[in-house]
Amino acid sequence: ILFFSFILIDNFYIGYMIGLSLPLWALWFASFVKKMSV
């Protein structure tokens, strides 16, 4: 939470693009570590 806040504060424009990608990364990580759940 704190580091993503830093990303958004550092440059909100690129931070927005990164934010769009994080749900996909979270899904991929969850499937990879076999801890997928809603």
PDB file of all heavy atoms in Angstrom:
ATOM      1  N   ILE A   1       0.828  -1.200   0.000  1.00  0.00           N
ATOM      2  CA  ILE A   1       0.000   0.000   0.000  1.00  0.00           C
ATOM      3  C   ILE A   1       0.871   1.261   0.000  1.00  0.00           C
ATOM      4  O   ILE A   1       0.657   2.195  -0.781  1.00  0.00           O
ATOM      5  CB  ILE A   1      -0.945   0.004   1.217  1.00  0.00           C
ATOM      6  CG1 ILE A   1      -2.022  -1.074   1.055  1.00  0.00           C
ATOM      7  CG2 ILE A   1      -1.612   1.373   1.387  1.00  0.00           C
ATOM      8  CD1 ILE A   1      -2.937  -1.216   2.249  1.00  0.00           C
ATOM      9  N   LEU A   2       1.874   1.277   0.848  1.00  0.00           N
ATOM     10  CA  LEU A   2       2.724   2.465   0.964  1.00  0.00           C
ATOM     11  C   LEU A   2       3.563   2.690  -0.292  1.00  0.00           C
ATOM     12  O   LEU A   2       3.731   3.829  -0.746  1.00  0.00           O
ATOM     13  CB  LEU A   2       3.631   2.340   2.198  1.00  0.00           C
ATOM     14  CG  LEU A   2       2.922   2.354   3.553  1.00  0.00           C
ATOM     15  CD1 LEU A   2       3.927   2.167   4.681  1.00  0.00           C
ATOM     16  CD2 LEU A   2       2.130   3.645   3.744  1.00  0.00           C
ATOM     17  N   PHE A   3       4.068   1.603  -0.859  1.00  0.00           N
ATOM     18  CA  PHE A   3       4.935   1.780  -2.025  1.00  0.00           C
ATOM     19  C   PHE A   3       4.118   2.148  -3.262  1.00  0.00           C
ATOM     20  O   PHE A   3       4.586   2.934  -4.097  1.00  0.00           O
ATOM     21  CB  PHE A   3       5.760   0.524  -2.287  1.00  0.00           C
ATOM     22  CG  PHE A   3       6.958   0.781  -3.157  1.00  0.00           C
ATOM     23  CD1 PHE A   3       8.044   1.488  -2.668  1.00  0.00           C
ATOM     24  CD2 PHE A   3       6.994   0.354  -4.472  1.00  0.00           C
ATOM     25  CE1 PHE A   3       9.146   1.753  -3.472  1.00  0.00           C
ATOM     26  CE2 PHE A   3       8.087   0.608  -5.283  1.00  0.00           C
ATOM     27  CZ  PHE A   3       9.171   1.309  -4.782  1.00  0.00           C
ATOM     28  N   PHE A   4       2.920   1.608  -3.399  1.00  0.00           N
ATOM     29  CA  PHE A   4       2.075   2.023  -4.517  1.00  0.00           C
ATOM     30  C   PHE A   4       1.678   3.488  -4.359  1.00  0.00           C
ATOM     31  O   PHE A   4       1.565   4.222  -5.348  1.00  0.00           O
ATOM     32  CB  PHE A   4       0.838   1.123  -4.619  1.00  0.00           C
ATOM     33  CG  PHE A   4      -0.023   1.405  -5.821  1.00  0.00           C
ATOM     34  CD1 PHE A   4       0.537   1.681  -7.063  1.00  0.00           C
ATOM     35  CD2 PHE A   4      -1.411   1.406  -5.715  1.00  0.00           C
ATOM     36  CE1 PHE A   4      -0.250   1.944  -8.176  1.00  0.00           C
ATOM     37  CE2 PHE A   4      -2.210   1.670  -6.810  1.00  0.00           C
ATOM     38  CZ  PHE A   4      -1.637   1.938  -8.051  1.00  0.00           C
ATOM     39  N   SER A   5       1.492   3.937  -3.118  1.00  0.00           N
ATOM     40  CA  SER A   5       1.237   5.360  -2.872  1.00  0.00           C
ATOM     41  C   SER A   5       2.420   6.198  -3.360  1.00  0.00           C
ATOM     42  O   SER A   5       2.238   7.247  -3.984  1.00  0.00           O
ATOM     43  CB  SER A   5       1.005   5.609  -1.376  1.00  0.00           C
ATOM     44  OG  SER A   5      -0.097   4.887  -0.907  1.00  0.00           O
ATOM     45  N   PHE A   6       3.638   5.728  -3.059  1.00  0.00           N
ATOM     46  CA  PHE A   6       4.834   6.427  -3.534  1.00  0.00           C
ATOM     47  C   PHE A   6       4.859   6.491  -5.060  1.00  0.00           C
ATOM     48  O   PHE A   6       5.188   7.535  -5.652  1.00  0.00           O
ATOM     49  CB  PHE A   6       6.089   5.716  -3.018  1.00  0.00           C
ATOM     50  CG  PHE A   6       7.336   6.061  -3.774  1.00  0.00           C
ATOM     51  CD1 PHE A   6       7.968   7.275  -3.581  1.00  0.00           C
ATOM     52  CD2 PHE A   6       7.872   5.169  -4.700  1.00  0.00           C
ATOM     53  CE1 PHE A   6       9.120   7.602  -4.296  1.00  0.00           C
ATOM     54  CE2 PHE A   6       9.015   5.487  -5.416  1.00  0.00           C
ATOM     55  CZ  PHE A   6       9.647   6.707  -5.212  1.00  0.00           C
ATOM     56  N   ILE A   7       4.512   5.384  -5.715  1.00  0.00           N
ATOM     57  CA  ILE A   7       4.481   5.339  -7.183  1.00  0.00           C
ATOM     58  C   ILE A   7       3.520   6.390  -7.729  1.00  0.00           C
ATOM     59  O   ILE A   7       3.830   7.117  -8.686  1.00  0.00           O
ATOM     60  CB  ILE A   7       4.069   3.930  -7.665  1.00  0.00           C
ATOM     61  CG1 ILE A   7       5.155   2.896  -7.350  1.00  0.00           C
ATOM     62  CG2 ILE A   7       3.720   3.935  -9.152  1.00  0.00           C
ATOM     63  CD1 ILE A   7       6.404   3.014  -8.172  1.00  0.00           C
ATOM     64  N   LEU A   8       2.331   6.490  -7.134  1.00  0.00           N
ATOM     65  CA  LEU A   8       1.328   7.454  -7.597  1.00  0.00           C
ATOM     66  C   LEU A   8       1.767   8.890  -7.345  1.00  0.00           C
ATOM     67  O   LEU A   8       1.503   9.789  -8.157  1.00  0.00           O
ATOM     68  CB  LEU A   8       0.000   7.178  -6.899  1.00  0.00           C
ATOM     69  CG  LEU A   8      -0.704   5.871  -7.272  1.00  0.00           C
ATOM     70  CD1 LEU A   8      -1.889   5.620  -6.352  1.00  0.00           C
ATOM     71  CD2 LEU A   8      -1.161   5.899  -8.725  1.00  0.00           C
ATOM     72  N   ILE A   9       2.424   9.130  -6.229  1.00  0.00           N
ATOM     73  CA  ILE A   9       2.887  10.479  -5.907  1.00  0.00           C
ATOM     74  C   ILE A   9       4.068  10.870  -6.792  1.00  0.00           C
ATOM     75  O   ILE A   9       4.160  12.007  -7.262  1.00  0.00           O
ATOM     76  CB  ILE A   9       3.273  10.565  -4.414  1.00  0.00           C
ATOM     77  CG1 ILE A   9       2.020  10.456  -3.551  1.00  0.00           C
ATOM     78  CG2 ILE A   9       4.024  11.863  -4.108  1.00  0.00           C
ATOM     79  CD1 ILE A   9       2.301  10.324  -2.071  1.00  0.00           C
ATOM     80  N   ASP A  10       4.963   9.925  -7.041  1.00  0.00           N
ATOM     81  CA  ASP A  10       6.161  10.199  -7.840  1.00  0.00           C
ATOM     82  C   ASP A  10       5.778  10.684  -9.228  1.00  0.00           C
ATOM     83  O   ASP A  10       6.283  11.704  -9.711  1.00  0.00           O
ATOM     84  CB  ASP A  10       7.008   8.929  -7.935  1.00  0.00           C
ATOM     85  CG  ASP A  10       8.377   9.195  -8.517  1.00  0.00           C
ATOM     86  OD1 ASP A  10       8.459   9.765  -9.621  1.00  0.00           O
ATOM     87  OD2 ASP A  10       9.385   8.832  -7.889  1.00  0.00           O
ATOM     88  N   ASN A  11       4.885   9.966  -9.899  1.00  0.00           N
ATOM     89  CA  ASN A  11       4.373  10.412 -11.196  1.00  0.00           C
ATOM     90  C   ASN A  11       3.014   9.760 -11.411  1.00  0.00           C
ATOM     91  O   ASN A  11       2.924   8.574 -11.714  1.00  0.00           O
ATOM     92  CB  ASN A  11       5.341  10.054 -12.327  1.00  0.00           C
ATOM     93  CG  ASN A  11       4.912  10.666 -13.659  1.00  0.00           C
ATOM     94  OD1 ASN A  11       4.092  10.114 -14.367  1.00  0.00           O
ATOM     95  ND2 ASN A  11       5.468  11.822 -13.985  1.00  0.00           N
ATOM     96  N   PHE A  12       1.970  10.544 -11.240  1.00  0.00           N
ATOM     97  CA  PHE A  12       0.609   9.996 -11.283  1.00  0.00           C
ATOM     98  C   PHE A  12       0.272   9.407 -12.650  1.00  0.00           C
ATOM     99  O   PHE A  12      -0.530   8.475 -12.754  1.00  0.00           O
ATOM    100  CB  PHE A  12      -0.410  11.088 -10.923  1.00  0.00           C
ATOM    101  CG  PHE A  12      -0.519  12.183 -11.960  1.00  0.00           C
ATOM    102  CD1 PHE A  12      -1.415  12.094 -13.015  1.00  0.00           C
ATOM    103  CD2 PHE A  12       0.278  13.308 -11.870  1.00  0.00           C
ATOM    104  CE1 PHE A  12      -1.498  13.093 -13.962  1.00  0.00           C
ATOM    105  CE2 PHE A  12       0.202  14.317 -12.822  1.00  0.00           C
ATOM    106  CZ  PHE A  12      -0.692  14.211 -13.878  1.00  0.00           C
ATOM    107  N   TYR A  13       0.889   9.918 -13.712  1.00  0.00           N
ATOM    108  CA  TYR A  13       0.569   9.491 -15.076  1.00  0.00           C
ATOM    109  C   TYR A  13       1.022   8.052 -15.308  1.00  0.00           C
ATOM    110  O   TYR A  13       0.226   7.187 -15.698  1.00  0.00           O
ATOM    111  CB  TYR A  13       1.244  10.455 -16.054  1.00  0.00           C
ATOM    112  CG  TYR A  13       0.968  10.203 -17.512  1.00  0.00           C
ATOM    113  CD1 TYR A  13      -0.331  10.163 -17.988  1.00  0.00           C
ATOM    114  CD2 TYR A  13       2.014  10.045 -18.415  1.00  0.00           C
ATOM    115  CE1 TYR A  13      -0.576   9.966 -19.348  1.00  0.00           C
ATOM    116  CE2 TYR A  13       1.774   9.855 -19.762  1.00  0.00           C
ATOM    117  CZ  TYR A  13       0.481   9.805 -20.225  1.00  0.00           C
ATOM    118  OH  TYR A  13       0.229   9.600 -21.559  1.00  0.00           O
ATOM    119  N   ILE A  14       2.292   7.774 -15.058  1.00  0.00           N
ATOM    120  CA  ILE A  14       2.796   6.411 -15.195  1.00  0.00           C
ATOM    121  C   ILE A  14       2.213   5.527 -14.089  1.00  0.00           C
ATOM    122  O   ILE A  14       1.947   4.340 -14.302  1.00  0.00           O
ATOM    123  CB  ILE A  14       4.337   6.394 -15.145  1.00  0.00           C
ATOM    124  CG1 ILE A  14       4.913   7.255 -16.272  1.00  0.00           C
ATOM    125  CG2 ILE A  14       4.861   4.966 -15.266  1.00  0.00           C
ATOM    126  CD1 ILE A  14       4.555   6.794 -17.671  1.00  0.00           C
ATOM    127  N   GLY A  15       1.974   6.121 -12.916  1.00  0.00           N
ATOM    128  CA  GLY A  15       1.349   5.377 -11.827  1.00  0.00           C
ATOM    129  C   GLY A  15      -0.024   4.858 -12.212  1.00  0.00           C
ATOM    130  O   GLY A  15      -0.418   3.750 -11.823  1.00  0.00           O
ATOM    131  N   TYR A  16      -0.777   5.652 -12.970  1.00  0.00           N
ATOM    132  CA  TYR A  16      -2.087   5.207 -13.478  1.00  0.00           C
ATOM    133  C   TYR A  16      -1.938   3.974 -14.358  1.00  0.00           C
ATOM    134  O   TYR A  16      -2.691   3.001 -14.222  1.00  0.00           O
ATOM    135  CB  TYR A  16      -2.733   6.360 -14.256  1.00  0.00           C
ATOM    136  CG  TYR A  16      -3.858   5.941 -15.169  1.00  0.00           C
ATOM    137  CD1 TYR A  16      -5.146   5.758 -14.681  1.00  0.00           C
ATOM    138  CD2 TYR A  16      -3.626   5.727 -16.533  1.00  0.00           C
ATOM    139  CE1 TYR A  16      -6.177   5.366 -15.530  1.00  0.00           C
ATOM    140  CE2 TYR A  16      -4.643   5.339 -17.389  1.00  0.00           C
ATOM    141  CZ  TYR A  16      -5.919   5.154 -16.881  1.00  0.00           C
ATOM    142  OH  TYR A  16      -6.936   4.756 -17.718  1.00  0.00           O
ATOM    143  N   MET A  17      -0.966   3.991 -15.267  1.00  0.00           N
ATOM    144  CA  MET A  17      -0.738   2.845 -16.157  1.00  0.00           C
ATOM    145  C   MET A  17      -0.361   1.603 -15.356  1.00  0.00           C
ATOM    146  O   MET A  17      -0.823   0.488 -15.646  1.00  0.00           O
ATOM    147  CB  MET A  17       0.370   3.176 -17.165  1.00  0.00           C
ATOM    148  CG  MET A  17       0.060   4.347 -18.064  1.00  0.00           C
ATOM    149  SD  MET A  17       1.460   4.778 -19.114  1.00  0.00           S
ATOM    150  CE  MET A  17       0.906   6.356 -19.776  1.00  0.00           C
ATOM    151  N   ILE A  18       0.483   1.806 -14.346  1.00  0.00           N
ATOM    152  CA  ILE A  18       0.884   0.693 -13.486  1.00  0.00           C
ATOM    153  C   ILE A  18      -0.322   0.144 -12.745  1.00  0.00           C
ATOM    154  O   ILE A  18      -0.504  -1.076 -12.617  1.00  0.00           O
ATOM    155  CB  ILE A  18       1.990   1.145 -12.518  1.00  0.00           C
ATOM    156  CG1 ILE A  18       3.307   1.336 -13.274  1.00  0.00           C
ATOM    157  CG2 ILE A  18       2.166   0.149 -11.372  1.00  0.00           C
ATOM    158  CD1 ILE A  18       4.424   1.922 -12.439  1.00  0.00           C
ATOM    159  N   GLY A  19      -1.178   1.045 -12.246  1.00  0.00           N
ATOM    160  CA  GLY A  19      -2.371   0.609 -11.525  1.00  0.00           C
ATOM    161  C   GLY A  19      -3.273  -0.263 -12.369  1.00  0.00           C
ATOM    162  O   GLY A  19      -3.874  -1.229 -11.867  1.00  0.00           O
ATOM    163  N   LEU A  20      -3.385   0.049 -13.671  1.00  0.00           N
ATOM    164  CA  LEU A  20      -4.204  -0.782 -14.561  1.00  0.00           C
ATOM    165  C   LEU A  20      -3.668  -2.210 -14.649  1.00  0.00           C
ATOM    166  O   LEU A  20      -4.430  -3.158 -14.843  1.00  0.00           O
ATOM    167  CB  LEU A  20      -4.248  -0.171 -15.963  1.00  0.00           C
ATOM    168  CG  LEU A  20      -5.122   1.056 -16.187  1.00  0.00           C
ATOM    169  CD1 LEU A  20      -5.056   1.475 -17.655  1.00  0.00           C
ATOM    170  CD2 LEU A  20      -6.566   0.789 -15.788  1.00  0.00           C
ATOM    171  N   SER A  21      -2.357  -2.371 -14.502  1.00  0.00           N
ATOM    172  CA  SER A  21      -1.745  -3.692 -14.678  1.00  0.00           C
ATOM    173  C   SER A  21      -1.795  -4.545 -13.412  1.00  0.00           C
ATOM    174  O   SER A  21      -1.685  -5.775 -13.489  1.00  0.00           O
ATOM    175  CB  SER A  21      -0.289  -3.546 -15.123  1.00  0.00           C
ATOM    176  OG  SER A  21       0.546  -3.139 -14.039  1.00  0.00           O
ATOM    177  N   LEU A  22      -1.936  -3.921 -12.239  1.00  0.00           N
ATOM    178  CA  LEU A  22      -1.784  -4.659 -10.985  1.00  0.00           C
ATOM    179  C   LEU A  22      -2.828  -5.758 -10.773  1.00  0.00           C
ATOM    180  O   LEU A  22      -2.480  -6.841 -10.277  1.00  0.00           O
ATOM    181  CB  LEU A  22      -1.779  -3.684  -9.807  1.00  0.00           C
ATOM    182  CG  LEU A  22      -0.570  -2.741  -9.739  1.00  0.00           C
ATOM    183  CD1 LEU A  22      -0.673  -1.819  -8.527  1.00  0.00           C
ATOM    184  CD2 LEU A  22       0.747  -3.515  -9.710  1.00  0.00           C
ATOM    185  N   PRO A  23      -4.111  -5.555 -11.110  1.00  0.00           N
ATOM    186  CA  PRO A  23      -5.056  -6.671 -10.959  1.00  0.00           C
ATOM    187  C   PRO A  23      -4.667  -7.892 -11.783  1.00  0.00           C
ATOM    188  O   PRO A  23      -4.821  -9.031 -11.322  1.00  0.00           O
ATOM    189  CB  PRO A  23      -6.387  -6.072 -11.433  1.00  0.00           C
ATOM    190  CG  PRO A  23      -6.249  -4.603 -11.182  1.00  0.00           C
ATOM    191  CD  PRO A  23      -4.807  -4.296 -11.474  1.00  0.00           C
ATOM    192  N   LEU A  24      -4.152  -7.668 -12.992  1.00  0.00           N
ATOM    193  CA  LEU A  24      -3.713  -8.792 -13.820  1.00  0.00           C
ATOM    194  C   LEU A  24      -2.524  -9.509 -13.199  1.00  0.00           C
ATOM    195  O   LEU A  24      -2.465 -10.744 -13.165  1.00  0.00           O
ATOM    196  CB  LEU A  24      -3.355  -8.300 -15.228  1.00  0.00           C
ATOM    197  CG  LEU A  24      -4.529  -8.043 -16.181  1.00  0.00           C
ATOM    198  CD1 LEU A  24      -4.042  -7.351 -17.445  1.00  0.00           C
ATOM    199  CD2 LEU A  24      -5.251  -9.329 -16.522  1.00  0.00           C
ATOM    200  N   TRP A  25      -1.564  -8.716 -12.698  1.00  0.00           N
ATOM    201  CA  TRP A  25      -0.411  -9.321 -12.014  1.00  0.00           C
ATOM    202  C   TRP A  25      -0.866 -10.103 -10.778  1.00  0.00           C
ATOM    203  O   TRP A  25      -0.362 -11.193 -10.503  1.00  0.00           O
ATOM    204  CB  TRP A  25       0.591  -8.241 -11.604  1.00  0.00           C
ATOM    205  CG  TRP A  25       1.548  -7.802 -12.670  1.00  0.00           C
ATOM    206  CD1 TRP A  25       1.522  -6.626 -13.354  1.00  0.00           C
ATOM    207  CD2 TRP A  25       2.677  -8.526 -13.176  1.00  0.00           C
ATOM    208  NE1 TRP A  25       2.557  -6.564 -14.244  1.00  0.00           N
ATOM    209  CE2 TRP A  25       3.297  -7.721 -14.158  1.00  0.00           C
ATOM    210  CE3 TRP A  25       3.233  -9.770 -12.894  1.00  0.00           C
ATOM    211  CZ2 TRP A  25       4.429  -8.110 -14.855  1.00  0.00           C
ATOM    212  CZ3 TRP A  25       4.367 -10.169 -13.587  1.00  0.00           C
ATOM    213  CH2 TRP A  25       4.950  -9.353 -14.554  1.00  0.00           C
ATOM    214  N   ALA A  26      -1.818  -9.541 -10.018  1.00  0.00           N
ATOM    215  CA  ALA A  26      -2.302 -10.217  -8.813  1.00  0.00           C
ATOM    216  C   ALA A  26      -2.941 -11.556  -9.166  1.00  0.00           C
ATOM    217  O   ALA A  26      -2.709 -12.568  -8.479  1.00  0.00           O
ATOM    218  CB  ALA A  26      -3.296  -9.321  -8.076  1.00  0.00           C
ATOM    219  N   LEU A  27      -3.736 -11.579 -10.222  1.00  0.00           N
ATOM    220  CA  LEU A  27      -4.339 -12.835 -10.675  1.00  0.00           C
ATOM    221  C   LEU A  27      -3.269 -13.837 -11.072  1.00  0.00           C
ATOM    222  O   LEU A  27      -3.349 -15.025 -10.729  1.00  0.00           O
ATOM    223  CB  LEU A  27      -5.274 -12.566 -11.860  1.00  0.00           C
ATOM    224  CG  LEU A  27      -6.646 -11.983 -11.555  1.00  0.00           C
ATOM    225  CD1 LEU A  27      -7.334 -11.562 -12.849  1.00  0.00           C
ATOM    226  CD2 LEU A  27      -7.506 -12.999 -10.811  1.00  0.00           C
ATOM    227  N   TRP A  28      -2.261 -13.352 -11.793  1.00  0.00           N
ATOM    228  CA  TRP A  28      -1.200 -14.249 -12.268  1.00  0.00           C
ATOM    229  C   TRP A  28      -0.388 -14.799 -11.098  1.00  0.00           C
ATOM    230  O   TRP A  28      -0.104 -15.985 -11.033  1.00  0.00           O
ATOM    231  CB  TRP A  28      -0.293 -13.510 -13.251  1.00  0.00           C
ATOM    232  CG  TRP A  28       0.632 -14.413 -13.988  1.00  0.00           C
ATOM    233  CD1 TRP A  28       0.342 -15.183 -15.071  1.00  0.00           C
ATOM    234  CD2 TRP A  28       2.021 -14.649 -13.682  1.00  0.00           C
ATOM    235  NE1 TRP A  28       1.458 -15.876 -15.471  1.00  0.00           N
ATOM    236  CE2 TRP A  28       2.500 -15.572 -14.640  1.00  0.00           C
ATOM    237  CE3 TRP A  28       2.892 -14.170 -12.713  1.00  0.00           C
ATOM    238  CZ2 TRP A  28       3.816 -16.024 -14.644  1.00  0.00           C
ATOM    239  CZ3 TRP A  28       4.198 -14.614 -12.717  1.00  0.00           C
ATOM    240  CH2 TRP A  28       4.649 -15.531 -13.666  1.00  0.00           C
ATOM    241  N   PHE A  29      -0.023 -13.924 -10.162  1.00  0.00           N
ATOM    242  CA  PHE A  29       0.711 -14.377  -8.974  1.00  0.00           C
ATOM    243  C   PHE A  29      -0.106 -15.388  -8.177  1.00  0.00           C
ATOM    244  O   PHE A  29       0.415 -16.408  -7.715  1.00  0.00           O
ATOM    245  CB  PHE A  29       1.064 -13.189  -8.069  1.00  0.00           C
ATOM    246  CG  PHE A  29       2.138 -12.283  -8.618  1.00  0.00           C
ATOM    247  CD1 PHE A  29       2.156 -10.928  -8.295  1.00  0.00           C
ATOM    248  CD2 PHE A  29       3.146 -12.768  -9.442  1.00  0.00           C
ATOM    249  CE1 PHE A  29       3.140 -10.085  -8.777  1.00  0.00           C
ATOM    250  CE2 PHE A  29       4.133 -11.935  -9.939  1.00  0.00           C
ATOM    251  CZ  PHE A  29       4.127 -10.588  -9.607  1.00  0.00           C
ATOM    252  N   ALA A  30      -1.409 -15.100  -7.992  1.00  0.00           N
ATOM    253  CA  ALA A  30      -2.265 -16.000  -7.215  1.00  0.00           C
ATOM    254  C   ALA A  30      -2.354 -17.377  -7.861  1.00  0.00           C
ATOM    255  O   ALA A  30      -2.329 -18.404  -7.171  1.00  0.00           O
ATOM    256  CB  ALA A  30      -3.654 -15.385  -7.064  1.00  0.00           C
ATOM    257  N   SER A  31      -2.429 -17.402  -9.173  1.00  0.00           N
ATOM    258  CA  SER A  31      -2.480 -18.703  -9.865  1.00  0.00           C
ATOM    259  C   SER A  31      -1.139 -19.422  -9.777  1.00  0.00           C
ATOM    260  O   SER A  31      -1.090 -20.644  -9.671  1.00  0.00           O
ATOM    261  CB  SER A  31      -2.874 -18.505 -11.332  1.00  0.00           C
ATOM    262  OG  SER A  31      -1.822 -17.889 -12.067  1.00  0.00           O
ATOM    263  N   PHE A  32      -0.059 -18.646  -9.764  1.00  0.00           N
ATOM    264  CA  PHE A  32       1.270 -19.247  -9.747  1.00  0.00           C
ATOM    265  C   PHE A  32       1.587 -19.855  -8.381  1.00  0.00           C
ATOM    266  O   PHE A  32       2.215 -20.915  -8.300  1.00  0.00           O
ATOM    267  CB  PHE A  32       2.325 -18.188 -10.104  1.00  0.00           C
ATOM    268  CG  PHE A  32       3.541 -18.757 -10.774  1.00  0.00           C
ATOM    269  CD1 PHE A  32       3.574 -18.938 -12.149  1.00  0.00           C
ATOM    270  CD2 PHE A  32       4.649 -19.128 -10.041  1.00  0.00           C
ATOM    271  CE1 PHE A  32       4.693 -19.466 -12.773  1.00  0.00           C
ATOM    272  CE2 PHE A  32       5.773 -19.655 -10.648  1.00  0.00           C
ATOM    273  CZ  PHE A  32       5.794 -19.830 -12.028  1.00  0.00           C
ATOM    274  N   VAL A  33       1.159 -19.172  -7.313  1.00  0.00           N
ATOM    275  CA  VAL A  33       1.430 -19.694  -5.964  1.00  0.00           C
ATOM    276  C   VAL A  33       0.278 -20.559  -5.453  1.00  0.00           C
ATOM    277  O   VAL A  33       0.259 -20.974  -4.296  1.00  0.00           O
ATOM    278  CB  VAL A  33       1.706 -18.556  -4.959  1.00  0.00           C
ATOM    279  CG1 VAL A  33       2.930 -17.768  -5.375  1.00  0.00           C
ATOM    280  CG2 VAL A  33       0.500 -17.637  -4.807  1.00  0.00           C
ATOM    281  N   LYS A  34      -0.704 -20.785  -6.369  1.00  0.00           N
ATOM    282  CA  LYS A  34      -1.858 -21.658  -6.058  1.00  0.00           C
ATOM    283  C   LYS A  34      -2.637 -21.163  -4.845  1.00  0.00           C
ATOM    284  O   LYS A  34      -3.014 -21.930  -3.950  1.00  0.00           O
ATOM    285  CB  LYS A  34      -1.389 -23.103  -5.844  1.00  0.00           C
ATOM    286  CG  LYS A  34      -0.774 -23.734  -7.087  1.00  0.00           C
ATOM    287  CD  LYS A  34      -0.308 -25.145  -6.833  1.00  0.00           C
ATOM    288  CE  LYS A  34       0.144 -25.831  -8.111  1.00  0.00           C
ATOM    289  NZ  LYS A  34       1.239 -25.131  -8.783  1.00  0.00           N
ATOM    290  N   LYS A  35      -2.892 -19.845  -4.824  1.00  0.00           N
ATOM    291  CA  LYS A  35      -3.708 -19.259  -3.758  1.00  0.00           C
ATOM    292  C   LYS A  35      -4.778 -18.357  -4.368  1.00  0.00           C
ATOM    293  O   LYS A  35      -5.056 -17.259  -3.885  1.00  0.00           O
ATOM    294  CB  LYS A  35      -2.830 -18.474  -2.783  1.00  0.00           C
ATOM    295  CG  LYS A  35      -1.913 -19.369  -1.958  1.00  0.00           C
ATOM    296  CD  LYS A  35      -1.217 -18.593  -0.855  1.00  0.00           C
ATOM    297  CE  LYS A  35      -0.371 -19.519   0.015  1.00  0.00           C
ATOM    298  NZ  LYS A  35       0.307 -18.814   1.128  1.00  0.00           N
ATOM    299  N   MET A  36      -5.388 -18.851  -5.434  1.00  0.00           N
ATOM    300  CA  MET A  36      -6.395 -18.087  -6.142  1.00  0.00           C
ATOM    301  C   MET A  36      -7.720 -18.111  -5.385  1.00  0.00           C
ATOM    302  O   MET A  36      -8.213 -19.178  -5.007  1.00  0.00           O
ATOM    303  CB  MET A  36      -6.594 -18.674  -7.551  1.00  0.00           C
ATOM    304  CG  MET A  36      -7.691 -18.012  -8.359  1.00  0.00           C
ATOM    305  SD  MET A  36      -7.175 -16.424  -9.035  1.00  0.00           S
ATOM    306  CE  MET A  36      -6.129 -16.984 -10.379  1.00  0.00           C
ATOM    307  N   SER A  37      -8.278 -16.927  -5.122  1.00  0.00           N
ATOM    308  CA  SER A  37      -9.604 -16.826  -4.530  1.00  0.00           C
ATOM    309  C   SER A  37     -10.134 -15.428  -4.776  1.00  0.00           C
ATOM    310  O   SER A  37      -9.365 -14.465  -4.916  1.00  0.00           O
ATOM    311  CB  SER A  37      -9.563 -17.115  -3.024  1.00  0.00           C
ATOM    312  OG  SER A  37      -8.915 -16.070  -2.333  1.00  0.00           O
ATOM    313  N   VAL A  38     -11.454 -15.306  -4.833  1.00  0.00           N
ATOM    314  CA  VAL A  38     -12.084 -13.999  -5.034  1.00  0.00           C
ATOM    315  C   VAL A  38     -11.742 -13.063  -3.884  1.00  0.00           C
ATOM    316  O   VAL A  38     -11.450 -11.878  -4.089  1.00  0.00           O
ATOM    317  CB  VAL A  38     -13.610 -14.165  -5.166  1.00  0.00           C
ATOM    318  CG1 VAL A  38     -14.292 -12.794  -5.239  1.00  0.00           C
ATOM    319  CG2 VAL A  38     -13.960 -14.995  -6.395  1.00  0.00           C
TER     320      VAL A  38
END
